[in-house]
């Protein structure tokens, strides 16, 4: 399992997960919506902790920084979403 999530992607998922849990604890959401929010929060927390998203693999993308080699053979870092070939 190779990491395919960048730092900011992990942080954003963590913030969303904490927000969903807070909504549930404060009672703003209830019933089926609350259960769905908790499930999404658990998935977001686990993917951000491990840095791996199975949906990214399905679509062949990665938000993780990778080293690219330029024409001179030097490595340079790019900070964008890349399609995995």
C-alpha atoms as a PDB file:
ATOM      1  CA  UNK A   1       0.000   0.000   0.000  1.00  0.00           C
ATOM      2  CA  UNK A   2       1.824   3.065  -1.276  1.00  0.00           C
ATOM      3  CA  UNK A   3       0.843   6.473   0.080  1.00  0.00           C
ATOM      4  CA  UNK A   4      -1.084   8.550  -2.438  1.00  0.00           C
ATOM      5  CA  UNK A   5      -2.296  11.509  -0.362  1.00  0.00           C
ATOM      6  CA  UNK A   6      -0.426  14.766   0.127  1.00  0.00           C
ATOM      7  CA  UNK A   7      -0.068  16.654   3.390  1.00  0.00           C
ATOM      8  CA  UNK A   8      -2.781  19.230   2.693  1.00  0.00           C
ATOM      9  CA  UNK A   9      -5.175  16.520   1.539  1.00  0.00           C
ATOM     10  CA  UNK A  10      -4.660  14.724   4.859  1.00  0.00           C
ATOM     11  CA  UNK A  11      -5.159  17.931   6.866  1.00  0.00           C
ATOM     12  CA  UNK A  12      -8.358  18.850   5.039  1.00  0.00           C
ATOM     13  CA  UNK A  13      -9.798  15.365   5.592  1.00  0.00           C
ATOM     14  CA  UNK A  14      -8.902  15.580   9.280  1.00  0.00           C
ATOM     15  CA  UNK A  15     -10.640  18.943   9.634  1.00  0.00           C
ATOM     16  CA  UNK A  16     -13.756  17.640   7.881  1.00  0.00           C
ATOM     17  CA  UNK A  17     -13.797  14.543  10.105  1.00  0.00           C
ATOM     18  CA  UNK A  18     -13.496  16.601  13.288  1.00  0.00           C
ATOM     19  CA  UNK A  19     -16.276  18.906  12.070  1.00  0.00           C
ATOM     20  CA  UNK A  20     -18.602  15.980  11.350  1.00  0.00           C
ATOM     21  CA  UNK A  21     -17.957  14.464  14.769  1.00  0.00           C
ATOM     22  CA  UNK A  22     -18.550  17.850  16.440  1.00  0.00           C
ATOM     23  CA  UNK A  23     -21.880  18.224  14.623  1.00  0.00           C
ATOM     24  CA  UNK A  24     -22.889  14.815  15.924  1.00  0.00           C
ATOM     25  CA  UNK A  25     -21.782  15.479  19.506  1.00  0.00           C
ATOM     26  CA  UNK A  26     -23.565  18.852  19.649  1.00  0.00           C
ATOM     27  CA  UNK A  27     -26.753  17.214  18.370  1.00  0.00           C
ATOM     28  CA  UNK A  28     -27.002  19.374  15.266  1.00  0.00           C
ATOM     29  CA  UNK A  29     -27.437  16.264  13.142  1.00  0.00           C
ATOM     30  CA  UNK A  30     -29.387  13.226  14.278  1.00  0.00           C
ATOM     31  CA  UNK A  31     -30.745   9.901  13.099  1.00  0.00           C
ATOM     32  CA  UNK A  32     -29.511   8.479   9.829  1.00  0.00           C
ATOM     33  CA  UNK A  33     -27.649  11.647   8.918  1.00  0.00           C
ATOM     34  CA  UNK A  34     -25.678  11.444  12.170  1.00  0.00           C
ATOM     35  CA  UNK A  35     -24.731   7.825  11.503  1.00  0.00           C
ATOM     36  CA  UNK A  36     -23.652   8.697   7.958  1.00  0.00           C
ATOM     37  CA  UNK A  37     -21.570  11.603   9.294  1.00  0.00           C
ATOM     38  CA  UNK A  38     -19.809   9.314  11.784  1.00  0.00           C
ATOM     39  CA  UNK A  39     -19.052   6.719   9.093  1.00  0.00           C
ATOM     40  CA  UNK A  40     -17.623   9.394   6.778  1.00  0.00           C
ATOM     41  CA  UNK A  41     -15.584  10.826   9.673  1.00  0.00           C
ATOM     42  CA  UNK A  42     -14.101   7.413  10.477  1.00  0.00           C
ATOM     43  CA  UNK A  43     -13.177   6.851   6.821  1.00  0.00           C
ATOM     44  CA  UNK A  44     -11.627  10.324   6.547  1.00  0.00           C
ATOM     45  CA  UNK A  45      -9.627   9.873   9.756  1.00  0.00           C
ATOM     46  CA  UNK A  46      -8.309   6.472   8.696  1.00  0.00           C
ATOM     47  CA  UNK A  47      -7.356   7.626   5.197  1.00  0.00           C
ATOM     48  CA  UNK A  48      -5.600  10.719   6.536  1.00  0.00           C
ATOM     49  CA  UNK A  49      -3.688   8.728   9.172  1.00  0.00           C
ATOM     50  CA  UNK A  50      -2.460   6.143   6.668  1.00  0.00           C
ATOM     51  CA  UNK A  51      -2.040   8.612   3.789  1.00  0.00           C
ATOM     52  CA  UNK A  52      -3.766   6.190   1.435  1.00  0.00           C
ATOM     53  CA  UNK A  53      -7.101   6.578  -0.351  1.00  0.00           C
ATOM     54  CA  UNK A  54      -8.485   3.565  -2.249  1.00  0.00           C
ATOM     55  CA  UNK A  55     -10.661   5.815  -4.406  1.00  0.00           C
ATOM     56  CA  UNK A  56      -7.534   7.598  -5.627  1.00  0.00           C
ATOM     57  CA  UNK A  57      -6.163   4.231  -6.754  1.00  0.00           C
ATOM     58  CA  UNK A  58      -9.391   3.498  -8.620  1.00  0.00           C
ATOM     59  CA  UNK A  59      -9.163   6.795 -10.517  1.00  0.00           C
ATOM     60  CA  UNK A  60      -5.366   6.620 -10.827  1.00  0.00           C
ATOM     61  CA  UNK A  61      -4.564   9.928  -9.105  1.00  0.00           C
ATOM     62  CA  UNK A  62      -2.266  11.035  -6.309  1.00  0.00           C
ATOM     63  CA  UNK A  63      -2.040  14.316  -4.391  1.00  0.00           C
ATOM     64  CA  UNK A  64       1.348  13.386  -2.959  1.00  0.00           C
ATOM     65  CA  UNK A  65       4.467  15.298  -4.004  1.00  0.00           C
ATOM     66  CA  UNK A  66       6.601  13.301  -6.378  1.00  0.00           C
ATOM     67  CA  UNK A  67      10.041  13.883  -7.813  1.00  0.00           C
ATOM     68  CA  UNK A  68      10.135  14.597 -11.525  1.00  0.00           C
ATOM     69  CA  UNK A  69      13.297  14.357 -13.560  1.00  0.00           C
ATOM     70  CA  UNK A  70      13.925  17.202 -15.972  1.00  0.00           C
ATOM     71  CA  UNK A  71      15.864  16.931 -19.234  1.00  0.00           C
ATOM     72  CA  UNK A  72      19.217  17.369 -17.421  1.00  0.00           C
ATOM     73  CA  UNK A  73      18.538  14.419 -15.122  1.00  0.00           C
ATOM     74  CA  UNK A  74      17.994  16.626 -12.092  1.00  0.00           C
ATOM     75  CA  UNK A  75      15.056  16.035  -9.816  1.00  0.00           C
ATOM     76  CA  UNK A  76      12.538  18.739  -9.147  1.00  0.00           C
ATOM     77  CA  UNK A  77       9.480  18.615  -6.900  1.00  0.00           C
ATOM     78  CA  UNK A  78       6.028  19.455  -8.153  1.00  0.00           C
ATOM     79  CA  UNK A  79       3.058  20.163  -5.897  1.00  0.00           C
ATOM     80  CA  UNK A  80      -0.009  19.153  -7.874  1.00  0.00           C
ATOM     81  CA  UNK A  81      -2.293  16.215  -8.458  1.00  0.00           C
ATOM     82  CA  UNK A  82      -0.693  13.670 -10.735  1.00  0.00           C
ATOM     83  CA  UNK A  83      -2.077  10.899 -12.833  1.00  0.00           C
ATOM     84  CA  UNK A  84      -0.275   7.646 -12.092  1.00  0.00           C
ATOM     85  CA  UNK A  85       0.918   5.902 -15.217  1.00  0.00           C
END
